[in-house]
Amino acid sequence: MIETIHGEFELIKNHRDAFVLDDFNKRYTDVFDIYPYIVGDYSAGLLRIKGFSENAKETHYKTIPDYLVESCAMNCPYYILKNPHCDPNKKREE
């Protein structure tokens, strides 16, 4: 488990030592609280974060390998976190 200012997360994969706590703390917002899986990848030196759900209607976590191949630079540093405190029923503010 990794302790962040946003709570604890389980680090599932840390390809090329991508997880940097300070970068994560700066980029993460409560918008991601609804996602049980979070992928962070570095593109052009900047951290991108994307949430994945367990709901087939949204971006399903089983599509993470496809996302990494199609949307990330080849062999880029990335990590996958499990968000044990996610709340899929939380309403997004519009």
N, C-alpha and C. Protein backbone atom coordinates (compact mmCIF):
# COMPACT_ATOMS: atom_id res chain seq x y z
N MET A 1 0.84 -1.19 0.00
CA MET A 1 0.00 0.00 0.00
C MET A 1 0.88 1.24 0.00
N ILE A 2 0.41 2.25 -0.69
CA ILE A 2 1.10 3.53 -0.78
C ILE A 2 0.24 4.58 -0.10
N GLU A 3 0.81 5.31 0.81
CA GLU A 3 0.10 6.38 1.50
C GLU A 3 0.31 7.69 0.75
N THR A 4 -0.79 8.34 0.36
CA THR A 4 -0.73 9.63 -0.33
C THR A 4 -1.59 10.63 0.45
N ILE A 5 -1.57 11.88 0.04
CA ILE A 5 -2.45 12.84 0.71
C ILE A 5 -3.91 12.61 0.34
N HIS A 6 -4.15 11.74 -0.64
CA HIS A 6 -5.50 11.42 -1.09
C HIS A 6 -5.98 10.08 -0.54
N GLY A 7 -5.20 9.46 0.32
CA GLY A 7 -5.55 8.17 0.89
C GLY A 7 -4.56 7.10 0.47
N GLU A 8 -4.87 5.87 0.85
CA GLU A 8 -4.00 4.75 0.52
C GLU A 8 -4.43 4.12 -0.80
N PHE A 9 -3.45 3.67 -1.58
CA PHE A 9 -3.66 2.99 -2.84
C PHE A 9 -2.77 1.77 -2.88
N GLU A 10 -3.23 0.75 -3.58
CA GLU A 10 -2.41 -0.43 -3.78
C GLU A 10 -1.71 -0.31 -5.13
N LEU A 11 -0.39 -0.38 -5.12
CA LEU A 11 0.38 -0.30 -6.35
C LEU A 11 0.42 -1.69 -6.99
N ILE A 12 -0.29 -1.84 -8.10
CA ILE A 12 -0.39 -3.12 -8.78
C ILE A 12 0.78 -3.32 -9.74
N LYS A 13 1.13 -2.28 -10.48
CA LYS A 13 2.22 -2.35 -11.46
C LYS A 13 2.95 -1.02 -11.44
N ASN A 14 4.28 -1.07 -11.51
CA ASN A 14 5.10 0.14 -11.51
C ASN A 14 6.17 -0.02 -12.58
N HIS A 15 5.76 0.08 -13.84
CA HIS A 15 6.65 -0.12 -14.98
C HIS A 15 7.66 1.01 -15.08
N ARG A 16 8.91 0.64 -15.08
CA ARG A 16 10.04 1.58 -15.18
C ARG A 16 10.02 2.60 -14.02
N ASP A 17 9.62 2.13 -12.84
CA ASP A 17 9.58 2.98 -11.63
C ASP A 17 8.86 4.30 -11.87
N ALA A 18 7.70 4.21 -12.49
CA ALA A 18 6.96 5.40 -12.89
C ALA A 18 6.33 6.16 -11.72
N PHE A 19 5.97 5.46 -10.64
CA PHE A 19 5.22 6.14 -9.59
C PHE A 19 6.12 7.11 -8.83
N VAL A 20 5.73 8.40 -8.88
CA VAL A 20 6.41 9.46 -8.14
C VAL A 20 5.34 10.11 -7.27
N LEU A 21 5.49 9.97 -5.98
CA LEU A 21 4.47 10.42 -5.03
C LEU A 21 4.12 11.90 -5.21
N ASP A 22 5.10 12.77 -5.32
CA ASP A 22 4.81 14.20 -5.47
C ASP A 22 3.99 14.50 -6.73
N ASP A 23 4.36 13.87 -7.84
CA ASP A 23 3.61 14.08 -9.08
C ASP A 23 2.17 13.61 -8.93
N PHE A 24 1.99 12.43 -8.32
CA PHE A 24 0.65 11.89 -8.12
C PHE A 24 -0.18 12.83 -7.24
N ASN A 25 0.39 13.27 -6.13
CA ASN A 25 -0.34 14.15 -5.21
C ASN A 25 -0.77 15.44 -5.90
N LYS A 26 0.04 15.95 -6.82
CA LYS A 26 -0.29 17.19 -7.52
C LYS A 26 -1.37 16.99 -8.58
N ARG A 27 -1.36 15.86 -9.27
CA ARG A 27 -2.28 15.64 -10.40
C ARG A 27 -3.61 15.03 -9.99
N TYR A 28 -3.64 14.25 -8.93
CA TYR A 28 -4.86 13.56 -8.53
C TYR A 28 -5.88 14.56 -8.01
N THR A 29 -7.12 14.39 -8.47
CA THR A 29 -8.23 15.20 -7.93
C THR A 29 -9.34 14.26 -7.50
N ASP A 30 -10.31 14.77 -6.80
CA ASP A 30 -11.40 13.92 -6.31
C ASP A 30 -12.27 13.37 -7.44
N VAL A 31 -12.09 13.83 -8.66
CA VAL A 31 -12.80 13.27 -9.81
C VAL A 31 -12.49 11.78 -9.95
N PHE A 32 -11.28 11.38 -9.56
CA PHE A 32 -10.85 9.99 -9.69
C PHE A 32 -11.34 9.11 -8.55
N ASP A 33 -12.00 9.67 -7.55
CA ASP A 33 -12.48 8.89 -6.41
C ASP A 33 -13.51 7.83 -6.80
N ILE A 34 -14.13 7.97 -7.96
CA ILE A 34 -15.16 7.01 -8.38
C ILE A 34 -14.56 5.80 -9.10
N TYR A 35 -13.27 5.81 -9.38
CA TYR A 35 -12.64 4.74 -10.15
C TYR A 35 -11.86 3.78 -9.26
N PRO A 36 -12.11 2.48 -9.40
CA PRO A 36 -11.35 1.51 -8.62
C PRO A 36 -9.95 1.25 -9.14
N TYR A 37 -9.68 1.63 -10.39
CA TYR A 37 -8.34 1.47 -10.97
C TYR A 37 -7.90 2.78 -11.60
N ILE A 38 -6.65 3.13 -11.36
CA ILE A 38 -6.10 4.37 -11.88
C ILE A 38 -4.78 4.06 -12.57
N VAL A 39 -4.64 4.58 -13.79
CA VAL A 39 -3.39 4.42 -14.54
C VAL A 39 -2.74 5.79 -14.66
N GLY A 40 -1.48 5.84 -14.34
CA GLY A 40 -0.69 7.05 -14.53
C GLY A 40 0.43 6.74 -15.51
N ASP A 41 0.59 7.60 -16.51
CA ASP A 41 1.68 7.40 -17.46
C ASP A 41 2.33 8.74 -17.75
N TYR A 42 3.59 8.68 -18.15
CA TYR A 42 4.34 9.88 -18.45
C TYR A 42 4.47 10.03 -19.96
N SER A 43 3.98 11.15 -20.46
CA SER A 43 4.09 11.49 -21.86
C SER A 43 4.76 12.86 -21.94
N ALA A 44 5.87 12.93 -22.66
CA ALA A 44 6.64 14.17 -22.79
C ALA A 44 6.99 14.74 -21.41
N GLY A 45 7.27 13.86 -20.46
CA GLY A 45 7.69 14.28 -19.13
C GLY A 45 6.56 14.71 -18.21
N LEU A 46 5.32 14.64 -18.68
CA LEU A 46 4.17 15.04 -17.87
C LEU A 46 3.34 13.82 -17.49
N LEU A 47 2.86 13.81 -16.26
CA LEU A 47 2.02 12.73 -15.78
C LEU A 47 0.59 12.90 -16.29
N ARG A 48 0.08 11.82 -16.88
CA ARG A 48 -1.34 11.76 -17.26
C ARG A 48 -1.98 10.71 -16.37
N ILE A 49 -3.19 10.98 -15.90
CA ILE A 49 -3.91 10.03 -15.05
C ILE A 49 -5.26 9.72 -15.71
N LYS A 50 -5.61 8.44 -15.71
CA LYS A 50 -6.90 8.02 -16.27
C LYS A 50 -7.52 6.99 -15.33
N GLY A 51 -8.81 7.11 -15.11
CA GLY A 51 -9.53 6.18 -14.26
C GLY A 51 -10.21 5.10 -15.06
N PHE A 52 -10.29 3.91 -14.48
CA PHE A 52 -10.95 2.77 -15.10
C PHE A 52 -11.92 2.16 -14.10
N SER A 53 -13.08 1.74 -14.60
CA SER A 53 -14.13 1.25 -13.71
C SER A 53 -14.30 -0.26 -13.81
N GLU A 54 -15.18 -0.78 -13.00
CA GLU A 54 -15.58 -2.18 -13.08
C GLU A 54 -16.91 -2.30 -13.80
N ASN A 55 -17.41 -1.19 -14.28
CA ASN A 55 -18.69 -1.12 -14.97
C ASN A 55 -18.44 -1.20 -16.48
N ALA A 56 -19.06 -2.14 -17.14
CA ALA A 56 -18.84 -2.34 -18.58
C ALA A 56 -19.31 -1.16 -19.41
N LYS A 57 -20.17 -0.32 -18.89
CA LYS A 57 -20.67 0.84 -19.64
C LYS A 57 -19.62 1.94 -19.74
N GLU A 58 -18.69 1.95 -18.83
CA GLU A 58 -17.65 2.97 -18.84
C GLU A 58 -16.34 2.33 -19.27
N THR A 59 -15.25 3.03 -19.09
CA THR A 59 -13.94 2.50 -19.43
C THR A 59 -13.60 1.38 -18.46
N HIS A 60 -13.72 0.15 -18.92
CA HIS A 60 -13.56 -1.03 -18.08
C HIS A 60 -12.08 -1.30 -17.82
N TYR A 61 -11.76 -1.73 -16.60
CA TYR A 61 -10.37 -1.96 -16.23
C TYR A 61 -9.69 -3.03 -17.08
N LYS A 62 -10.46 -3.92 -17.68
CA LYS A 62 -9.86 -4.95 -18.54
C LYS A 62 -9.31 -4.36 -19.84
N THR A 63 -9.64 -3.10 -20.12
CA THR A 63 -9.12 -2.44 -21.33
C THR A 63 -7.82 -1.68 -21.05
N ILE A 64 -7.29 -1.78 -19.84
CA ILE A 64 -6.05 -1.08 -19.52
C ILE A 64 -4.92 -1.47 -20.48
N PRO A 65 -4.70 -2.75 -20.79
CA PRO A 65 -3.63 -3.08 -21.75
C PRO A 65 -3.83 -2.41 -23.11
N ASP A 66 -5.07 -2.33 -23.58
CA ASP A 66 -5.36 -1.65 -24.84
C ASP A 66 -5.02 -0.17 -24.73
N TYR A 67 -5.40 0.46 -23.63
CA TYR A 67 -5.10 1.87 -23.41
C TYR A 67 -3.59 2.12 -23.45
N LEU A 68 -2.84 1.25 -22.80
CA LEU A 68 -1.39 1.42 -22.77
C LEU A 68 -0.77 1.31 -24.16
N VAL A 69 -1.29 0.43 -24.98
CA VAL A 69 -0.76 0.25 -26.34
C VAL A 69 -1.21 1.39 -27.26
N GLU A 70 -2.48 1.76 -27.17
CA GLU A 70 -3.06 2.71 -28.11
C GLU A 70 -2.87 4.18 -27.75
N SER A 71 -2.78 4.49 -26.46
CA SER A 71 -2.77 5.89 -26.04
C SER A 71 -1.47 6.35 -25.39
N CYS A 72 -0.55 5.44 -25.16
CA CYS A 72 0.70 5.79 -24.48
C CYS A 72 1.88 5.56 -25.42
N ALA A 73 2.92 6.31 -25.20
CA ALA A 73 4.14 6.12 -25.98
C ALA A 73 4.71 4.73 -25.69
N MET A 74 5.33 4.13 -26.70
CA MET A 74 5.88 2.79 -26.54
C MET A 74 6.89 2.76 -25.41
N ASN A 75 6.70 1.79 -24.51
CA ASN A 75 7.58 1.56 -23.37
C ASN A 75 7.69 2.75 -22.42
N CYS A 76 6.66 3.58 -22.38
CA CYS A 76 6.69 4.72 -21.47
C CYS A 76 6.55 4.23 -20.03
N PRO A 77 7.05 5.02 -19.09
CA PRO A 77 6.84 4.67 -17.67
C PRO A 77 5.35 4.81 -17.33
N TYR A 78 4.82 3.83 -16.64
CA TYR A 78 3.42 3.89 -16.22
C TYR A 78 3.25 3.09 -14.94
N TYR A 79 2.13 3.35 -14.27
CA TYR A 79 1.77 2.56 -13.10
C TYR A 79 0.27 2.33 -13.08
N ILE A 80 -0.11 1.29 -12.36
CA ILE A 80 -1.53 0.97 -12.17
C ILE A 80 -1.77 0.88 -10.67
N LEU A 81 -2.76 1.64 -10.21
CA LEU A 81 -3.13 1.64 -8.80
C LEU A 81 -4.52 1.07 -8.63
N LYS A 82 -4.74 0.38 -7.54
CA LYS A 82 -6.09 -0.02 -7.13
C LYS A 82 -6.51 0.95 -6.04
N ASN A 83 -7.69 1.48 -6.20
CA ASN A 83 -8.23 2.49 -5.30
C ASN A 83 -9.24 1.81 -4.36
N PRO A 84 -8.80 1.36 -3.18
CA PRO A 84 -9.71 0.62 -2.30
C PRO A 84 -10.81 1.47 -1.69
N HIS A 85 -10.69 2.79 -1.73
CA HIS A 85 -11.70 3.66 -1.14
C HIS A 85 -12.57 4.34 -2.20
N CYS A 86 -12.61 3.76 -3.41
CA CYS A 86 -13.42 4.38 -4.46
C CYS A 86 -14.89 4.35 -4.10
N ASP A 87 -15.61 5.31 -4.62
CA ASP A 87 -17.04 5.40 -4.39
C ASP A 87 -17.72 5.59 -5.74
N PRO A 88 -18.10 4.50 -6.42
CA PRO A 88 -18.71 4.61 -7.75
C PRO A 88 -20.05 5.34 -7.74
N ASN A 89 -20.65 5.51 -6.58
CA ASN A 89 -21.93 6.21 -6.49
C ASN A 89 -21.78 7.70 -6.27
N LYS A 90 -20.55 8.14 -6.08
CA LYS A 90 -20.29 9.57 -5.85
C LYS A 90 -20.67 10.35 -7.11
N LYS A 91 -21.36 11.44 -6.91
CA LYS A 91 -21.79 12.27 -8.03
C LYS A 91 -20.68 13.24 -8.40
N ARG A 92 -20.45 13.37 -9.70
CA ARG A 92 -19.50 14.36 -10.19
C ARG A 92 -20.17 15.71 -10.22
N GLU A 93 -19.41 16.73 -9.85
CA GLU A 93 -19.94 18.09 -9.93
C GLU A 93 -19.80 18.56 -11.37
N GLU A 94 -20.85 19.10 -11.94
CA GLU A 94 -20.84 19.52 -13.33
C GLU A 94 -20.65 21.01 -13.42
